Amino acid sequence: MRPPPFVSSVLMAVRMARSSRWRAMSLLLVGLGFGACHRGGVGAAAAATSSVGGQMTLRVVNHSWLDVTVYLLQGTRRDRIGTATATTTTQFLLDMRRLTAGGEYRLYGDPVGSRTTVRSEPLHAQDGDVVTWTLEDDLARSSIEVR
């Protein structure tokens, strides 16, 4: 015996609601799973390679006529610090957590509109360091000082 039409439509609506809720819950769980994996992977790697807390100051004295984008190099990793405006002194505060456990890094400068770049020698970070990187118009003559 078949149920009346209105009962069939109610039963169909209940099945659809259950299935919609199931789909919504499945999508939510999948999204949370991806989010947890992403945060866990990056967070765990960052926690494993981070050094102690603290800050260092990077002062870029740019004598060049071009703005220079400044990066922090560690191994094969390159993190953008910011832009040093042409013919000015720009100061950046860097958290020591940005650096790997060894604390060795290089500074890398990429002038906007030029193919010439500049890279510092390897440096070792310590909490409270004040690094002054003087970029000359001829980037090959640039110098660095750590206090």
C-alpha atoms as a PDB file:
ATOM      1  CA  MET A   1       0.000   0.000   0.000  1.00  0.00           C
ATOM      2  CA  ARG A   2       1.332   3.438  -0.987  1.00  0.00           C
ATOM      3  CA  PRO A   3       1.230   6.351   1.468  1.00  0.00           C
ATOM      4  CA  PRO A   4      -0.811   9.422   0.506  1.00  0.00           C
ATOM      5  CA  PRO A   5       1.007  12.014  -1.659  1.00  0.00           C
ATOM      6  CA  PHE A   6       1.493  14.550   1.149  1.00  0.00           C
ATOM      7  CA  VAL A   7       3.145  11.883   3.352  1.00  0.00           C
ATOM      8  CA  SER A   8       5.480  10.949   0.480  1.00  0.00           C
ATOM      9  CA  SER A   9       6.531  14.566   0.060  1.00  0.00           C
ATOM     10  CA  VAL A  10       7.123  14.944   3.817  1.00  0.00           C
ATOM     11  CA  LEU A  11       9.238  11.776   3.876  1.00  0.00           C
ATOM     12  CA  MET A  12      11.195  13.035   0.849  1.00  0.00           C
ATOM     13  CA  ALA A  13      11.803  16.391   2.595  1.00  0.00           C
ATOM     14  CA  VAL A  14      13.060  14.609   5.731  1.00  0.00           C
ATOM     15  CA  ARG A  15      15.462  12.472   3.658  1.00  0.00           C
ATOM     16  CA  MET A  16      16.755  15.551   1.823  1.00  0.00           C
ATOM     17  CA  ALA A  17      17.235  17.453   5.092  1.00  0.00           C
ATOM     18  CA  ARG A  18      19.172  14.542   6.571  1.00  0.00           C
ATOM     19  CA  SER A  19      21.276  14.257   3.447  1.00  0.00           C
ATOM     20  CA  SER A  20      21.903  18.041   3.371  1.00  0.00           C
ATOM     21  CA  ARG A  21      22.926  18.018   7.012  1.00  0.00           C
ATOM     22  CA  TRP A  22      25.191  15.053   6.346  1.00  0.00           C
ATOM     23  CA  ARG A  23      26.806  16.846   3.403  1.00  0.00           C
ATOM     24  CA  ALA A  24      27.243  20.018   5.432  1.00  0.00           C
ATOM     25  CA  MET A  25      28.806  18.103   8.331  1.00  0.00           C
ATOM     26  CA  SER A  26      31.080  16.194   5.944  1.00  0.00           C
ATOM     27  CA  LEU A  27      32.278  19.405   4.308  1.00  0.00           C
ATOM     28  CA  LEU A  28      32.833  20.983   7.708  1.00  0.00           C
ATOM     29  CA  LEU A  29      34.892  18.006   8.912  1.00  0.00           C
ATOM     30  CA  VAL A  30      36.931  17.897   5.707  1.00  0.00           C
ATOM     31  CA  GLY A  31      37.591  21.645   5.964  1.00  0.00           C
ATOM     32  CA  LEU A  32      38.653  21.322   9.592  1.00  0.00           C
ATOM     33  CA  GLY A  33      40.879  18.392   8.671  1.00  0.00           C
ATOM     34  CA  PHE A  34      42.654  20.365   5.944  1.00  0.00           C
ATOM     35  CA  GLY A  35      42.986  23.362   8.236  1.00  0.00           C
ATOM     36  CA  ALA A  36      44.429  21.252  11.028  1.00  0.00           C
ATOM     37  CA  CYS A  37      46.919  19.604   8.691  1.00  0.00           C
ATOM     38  CA  HIS A  38      47.977  22.945   7.237  1.00  0.00           C
ATOM     39  CA  ARG A  39      48.417  24.687  10.575  1.00  0.00           C
ATOM     40  CA  GLY A  40      50.085  21.659  12.139  1.00  0.00           C
ATOM     41  CA  GLY A  41      52.590  21.266   9.331  1.00  0.00           C
ATOM     42  CA  VAL A  42      53.620  24.902   9.162  1.00  0.00           C
ATOM     43  CA  GLY A  43      53.356  25.550  12.894  1.00  0.00           C
ATOM     44  CA  ALA A  44      55.329  22.460  13.818  1.00  0.00           C
ATOM     45  CA  ALA A  45      58.066  23.301  11.318  1.00  0.00           C
ATOM     46  CA  ALA A  46      58.233  26.890  12.520  1.00  0.00           C
ATOM     47  CA  ALA A  47      58.302  25.819  16.167  1.00  0.00           C
ATOM     48  CA  ALA A  48      61.035  23.283  15.496  1.00  0.00           C
ATOM     49  CA  THR A  49      63.262  25.800  13.703  1.00  0.00           C
ATOM     50  CA  SER A  50      62.574  28.943  15.710  1.00  0.00           C
ATOM     51  CA  SER A  51      65.150  30.429  17.984  1.00  0.00           C
ATOM     52  CA  VAL A  52      64.477  32.130  21.290  1.00  0.00           C
ATOM     53  CA  GLY A  53      62.233  35.179  21.423  1.00  0.00           C
ATOM     54  CA  GLY A  54      63.482  38.703  21.099  1.00  0.00           C
ATOM     55  CA  GLN A  55      64.001  41.289  18.402  1.00  0.00           C
ATOM     56  CA  MET A  56      66.721  42.706  16.264  1.00  0.00           C
ATOM     57  CA  THR A  57      66.720  46.010  14.410  1.00  0.00           C
ATOM     58  CA  LEU A  58      67.605  46.300  10.745  1.00  0.00           C
ATOM     59  CA  ARG A  59      68.438  49.799   9.585  1.00  0.00           C
ATOM     60  CA  VAL A  60      68.831  50.198   5.802  1.00  0.00           C
ATOM     61  CA  VAL A  61      70.630  53.365   4.706  1.00  0.00           C
ATOM     62  CA  ASN A  62      69.781  53.589   1.007  1.00  0.00           C
ATOM     63  CA  HIS A  63      72.076  55.950  -0.920  1.00  0.00           C
ATOM     64  CA  SER A  64      70.728  54.591  -4.195  1.00  0.00           C
ATOM     65  CA  TRP A  65      68.276  56.429  -6.439  1.00  0.00           C
ATOM     66  CA  LEU A  66      66.099  53.314  -6.560  1.00  0.00           C
ATOM     67  CA  ASP A  67      63.796  51.777  -3.952  1.00  0.00           C
ATOM     68  CA  VAL A  68      65.200  48.439  -2.784  1.00  0.00           C
ATOM     69  CA  THR A  69      63.109  45.449  -1.688  1.00  0.00           C
ATOM     70  CA  VAL A  70      64.901  43.802   1.249  1.00  0.00           C
ATOM     71  CA  TYR A  71      64.731  40.075   1.948  1.00  0.00           C
ATOM     72  CA  LEU A  72      66.026  37.785   4.692  1.00  0.00           C
ATOM     73  CA  LEU A  73      67.786  34.703   3.267  1.00  0.00           C
ATOM     74  CA  GLN A  74      68.149  31.482   5.267  1.00  0.00           C
ATOM     75  CA  GLY A  75      69.348  28.510   3.271  1.00  0.00           C
ATOM     76  CA  THR A  76      67.006  28.335   0.291  1.00  0.00           C
ATOM     77  CA  ARG A  77      64.241  30.295   2.048  1.00  0.00           C
ATOM     78  CA  ARG A  78      63.642  33.975   1.221  1.00  0.00           C
ATOM     79  CA  ASP A  79      61.358  36.134   3.422  1.00  0.00           C
ATOM     80  CA  ARG A  80      60.407  39.657   2.365  1.00  0.00           C
ATOM     81  CA  ILE A  81      61.170  42.217   5.060  1.00  0.00           C
ATOM     82  CA  GLY A  82      60.020  45.381   3.278  1.00  0.00           C
ATOM     83  CA  THR A  83      61.066  48.189   0.959  1.00  0.00           C
ATOM     84  CA  ALA A  84      63.850  50.661   1.652  1.00  0.00           C
ATOM     85  CA  THR A  85      62.900  53.921  -0.035  1.00  0.00           C
ATOM     86  CA  ALA A  86      65.481  55.620  -2.252  1.00  0.00           C
ATOM     87  CA  THR A  87      67.867  58.115  -0.589  1.00  0.00           C
ATOM     88  CA  THR A  88      66.433  57.543   2.918  1.00  0.00           C
ATOM     89  CA  THR A  89      67.066  55.447   6.008  1.00  0.00           C
ATOM     90  CA  THR A  90      64.434  52.801   6.734  1.00  0.00           C
ATOM     91  CA  GLN A  91      64.228  50.815   9.957  1.00  0.00           C
ATOM     92  CA  PHE A  92      62.662  47.368  10.443  1.00  0.00           C
ATOM     93  CA  LEU A  93      62.100  45.433  13.687  1.00  0.00           C
ATOM     94  CA  LEU A  94      62.529  41.694  13.151  1.00  0.00           C
ATOM     95  CA  ASP A  95      61.354  39.000  15.558  1.00  0.00           C
ATOM     96  CA  MET A  96      64.021  36.437  16.316  1.00  0.00           C
ATOM     97  CA  ARG A  97      61.341  33.779  15.743  1.00  0.00           C
ATOM     98  CA  ARG A  98      61.727  34.476  12.008  1.00  0.00           C
ATOM     99  CA  LEU A  99      65.201  32.972  12.111  1.00  0.00           C
ATOM    100  CA  THR A 100      66.102  29.295  12.150  1.00  0.00           C
ATOM    101  CA  ALA A 101      67.711  27.700  15.183  1.00  0.00           C
ATOM    102  CA  GLY A 102      71.281  28.341  13.951  1.00  0.00           C
ATOM    103  CA  GLY A 103      70.515  32.035  13.573  1.00  0.00           C
ATOM    104  CA  GLU A 104      72.610  32.358  10.409  1.00  0.00           C
ATOM    105  CA  TYR A 105      71.133  34.572   7.708  1.00  0.00           C
ATOM    106  CA  ARG A 106      71.975  36.894   4.835  1.00  0.00           C
ATOM    107  CA  LEU A 107      70.342  40.090   3.679  1.00  0.00           C
ATOM    108  CA  TYR A 108      69.338  40.345   0.026  1.00  0.00           C
ATOM    109  CA  GLY A 109      68.477  43.577  -1.778  1.00  0.00           C
ATOM    110  CA  ASP A 110      66.546  43.721  -5.050  1.00  0.00           C
ATOM    111  CA  PRO A 111      66.343  47.280  -6.450  1.00  0.00           C
ATOM    112  CA  VAL A 112      63.020  48.068  -8.115  1.00  0.00           C
ATOM    113  CA  GLY A 113      63.542  48.487 -11.862  1.00  0.00           C
ATOM    114  CA  SER A 114      67.072  47.069 -11.960  1.00  0.00           C
ATOM    115  CA  ARG A 115      68.534  43.654 -12.683  1.00  0.00           C
ATOM    116  CA  THR A 116      71.437  44.177 -10.273  1.00  0.00           C
ATOM    117  CA  THR A 117      71.036  42.713  -6.783  1.00  0.00           C
ATOM    118  CA  VAL A 118      73.136  42.744  -3.620  1.00  0.00           C
ATOM    119  CA  ARG A 119      73.637  40.120  -0.923  1.00  0.00           C
ATOM    120  CA  SER A 120      75.408  40.421   2.414  1.00  0.00           C
ATOM    121  CA  GLU A 121      77.907  37.967   3.820  1.00  0.00           C
ATOM    122  CA  PRO A 122      76.520  35.402   6.304  1.00  0.00           C
ATOM    123  CA  LEU A 123      75.541  36.960   9.630  1.00  0.00           C
ATOM    124  CA  HIS A 124      74.635  35.424  13.004  1.00  0.00           C
ATOM    125  CA  ALA A 125      71.630  36.878  14.806  1.00  0.00           C
ATOM    126  CA  GLN A 126      71.489  37.694  18.485  1.00  0.00           C
ATOM    127  CA  ASP A 127      68.710  39.284  20.492  1.00  0.00           C
ATOM    128  CA  GLY A 128      69.088  43.076  20.534  1.00  0.00           C
ATOM    129  CA  ASP A 129      71.369  43.309  17.485  1.00  0.00           C
ATOM    130  CA  VAL A 130      71.284  46.543  15.508  1.00  0.00           C
ATOM    131  CA  VAL A 131      72.254  45.798  11.916  1.00  0.00           C
ATOM    132  CA  THR A 132      73.004  48.789   9.677  1.00  0.00           C
ATOM    133  CA  TRP A 133      73.124  47.948   5.976  1.00  0.00           C
ATOM    134  CA  THR A 134      74.381  50.834   3.856  1.00  0.00           C
ATOM    135  CA  LEU A 135      73.411  50.451   0.193  1.00  0.00           C
ATOM    136  CA  GLU A 136      75.468  52.603  -2.144  1.00  0.00           C
ATOM    137  CA  ASP A 137      74.416  53.753  -5.614  1.00  0.00           C
ATOM    138  CA  ASP A 138      76.917  51.186  -6.901  1.00  0.00           C
ATOM    139  CA  LEU A 139      75.577  48.188  -4.948  1.00  0.00           C
ATOM    140  CA  ALA A 140      78.946  46.397  -5.095  1.00  0.00           C
ATOM    141  CA  ARG A 141      80.299  49.030  -2.655  1.00  0.00           C
ATOM    142  CA  SER A 142      77.574  48.406  -0.035  1.00  0.00           C
ATOM    143  CA  SER A 143      78.598  47.651   3.554  1.00  0.00           C
ATOM    144  CA  ILE A 144      77.115  46.174   6.705  1.00  0.00           C
ATOM    145  CA  GLU A 145      77.686  46.802  10.414  1.00  0.00           C
ATOM    146  CA  VAL A 146      76.373  44.787  13.373  1.00  0.00           C
ATOM    147  CA  ARG A 147      76.290  46.161  16.930  1.00  0.00           C
END
